[in-house]
Amino acid sequence: MADKQFAEGRTITVTEVAGATGISRVTLSRMLNQRGYVTGSDTIDALCEYFKCPIEKVAEYIPAPKMPEPPKKSVKDTKSAGTSQVKGERRTPSRSTKR
């Protein structure tokens, strides 16, 4: 935006960009003020066309933060994680018989 303002020697407003591109003022405002705001390729394309610039001038790639790996369970933890059953007791599903 600054390059176009400098080249034309005047201030360009969000309202002017919105009117020329068809992008809502709310979307443009979010793009300007919320780092990492996600928008569609049609919006980026419209901005590139309006400012007559490559995509690198309009958008920046920000990698997602890496999630920490969950702690690994030891063999001892995995043995005790199952269901318990009384020794010698057998679980059988109950069946109802209607006749």
Protein backbone atom coordinates (compact mmCIF):
# COMPACT_ATOMS: atom_id res chain seq x y z
CA MET A 1 0.00 0.00 0.00
CA ALA A 2 2.88 2.32 0.85
CA ASP A 3 4.46 1.82 -2.60
CA LYS A 4 1.25 2.80 -4.40
CA GLN A 5 0.76 5.78 -2.08
CA PHE A 6 4.31 6.93 -2.76
CA ALA A 7 4.02 6.40 -6.53
CA GLU A 8 0.75 8.33 -6.73
CA GLY A 9 1.79 10.93 -4.17
CA ARG A 10 -1.36 10.57 -2.08
CA THR A 11 -2.89 8.56 0.74
CA ILE A 12 -4.86 5.45 -0.22
CA THR A 13 -7.63 4.48 2.19
CA VAL A 14 -9.05 1.08 3.06
CA THR A 15 -12.41 2.32 1.75
CA GLU A 16 -10.82 3.16 -1.61
CA VAL A 17 -9.18 -0.28 -1.88
CA ALA A 18 -12.45 -1.96 -0.87
CA GLY A 19 -14.40 -0.08 -3.54
CA ALA A 20 -11.86 -0.81 -6.27
CA THR A 21 -11.38 -4.51 -5.47
CA GLY A 22 -14.77 -5.61 -4.16
CA ILE A 23 -13.15 -6.81 -0.92
CA SER A 24 -15.06 -5.77 2.19
CA ARG A 25 -13.54 -3.13 4.46
CA VAL A 26 -13.81 -5.58 7.37
CA THR A 27 -11.69 -8.16 5.54
CA LEU A 28 -9.09 -5.56 4.57
CA SER A 29 -8.96 -4.25 8.12
CA ARG A 30 -8.46 -7.75 9.51
CA MET A 31 -5.72 -8.42 6.97
CA LEU A 32 -3.93 -5.24 8.03
CA ASN A 33 -4.34 -5.64 11.79
CA GLN A 34 -4.41 -9.38 12.56
CA ARG A 35 -1.09 -11.09 11.98
CA GLY A 36 -1.70 -14.51 10.46
CA TYR A 37 -5.23 -13.67 9.22
CA VAL A 38 -6.33 -16.34 6.76
CA THR A 39 -7.95 -15.26 3.51
CA GLY A 40 -8.73 -16.78 0.13
CA SER A 41 -6.68 -16.72 -3.05
CA ASP A 42 -9.33 -14.62 -4.80
CA THR A 43 -8.75 -11.85 -2.25
CA ILE A 44 -4.97 -12.04 -2.69
CA ASP A 45 -5.41 -12.02 -6.48
CA ALA A 46 -7.63 -8.92 -6.35
CA LEU A 47 -5.07 -7.08 -4.20
CA CYS A 48 -2.19 -8.04 -6.50
CA GLU A 49 -4.16 -6.78 -9.47
CA TYR A 50 -5.09 -3.51 -7.74
CA PHE A 51 -1.55 -2.78 -6.54
CA LYS A 52 0.03 -4.23 -9.72
CA CYS A 53 2.51 -6.23 -7.67
CA PRO A 54 3.65 -9.83 -7.11
CA ILE A 55 2.12 -11.92 -4.32
CA GLU A 56 5.22 -11.45 -2.10
CA LYS A 57 4.26 -7.79 -1.66
CA VAL A 58 0.76 -8.72 -0.47
CA ALA A 59 1.17 -11.93 1.55
CA GLU A 60 3.77 -13.48 3.82
CA TYR A 61 4.16 -17.17 4.69
CA ILE A 62 4.07 -17.75 8.44
CA PRO A 63 4.69 -21.40 9.41
CA ALA A 64 2.39 -22.89 12.04
CA PRO A 65 3.99 -23.40 15.45
CA LYS A 66 5.14 -26.94 16.09
CA MET A 67 3.12 -28.85 18.64
CA PRO A 68 5.13 -30.54 21.39
CA GLU A 69 5.18 -34.32 21.21
CA PRO A 70 3.21 -36.13 23.93
CA PRO A 71 5.35 -37.97 26.49
CA LYS A 72 6.08 -41.55 25.55
CA LYS A 73 4.67 -44.26 27.81
CA SER A 74 7.00 -46.81 29.30
CA VAL A 75 6.30 -50.55 29.20
CA LYS A 76 5.27 -50.36 32.85
CA ASP A 77 2.64 -47.69 32.05
CA THR A 78 1.14 -49.67 29.17
CA LYS A 79 0.72 -52.85 31.24
CA SER A 80 -1.36 -51.11 33.88
CA ALA A 81 -3.45 -49.17 31.38
CA GLY A 82 -5.84 -52.05 30.50
CA THR A 83 -9.03 -53.20 32.21
CA SER A 84 -8.81 -55.30 35.32
CA GLN A 85 -10.57 -58.58 35.85
CA VAL A 86 -10.83 -60.85 38.87
CA LYS A 87 -8.68 -63.92 38.36
CA GLY A 88 -10.70 -66.85 37.13
CA GLU A 89 -13.81 -64.75 36.45
CA ARG A 90 -15.04 -64.83 32.91
CA ARG A 91 -17.07 -62.02 31.43
CA THR A 92 -19.79 -63.09 29.06
CA PRO A 93 -22.34 -60.84 27.41
CA SER A 94 -25.80 -61.13 28.85
CA ARG A 95 -28.49 -62.30 26.47
CA SER A 96 -32.13 -61.73 26.80
CA THR A 97 -34.46 -64.30 25.36
CA LYS A 98 -37.96 -63.25 24.50
CA ARG A 99 -40.29 -65.79 23.04
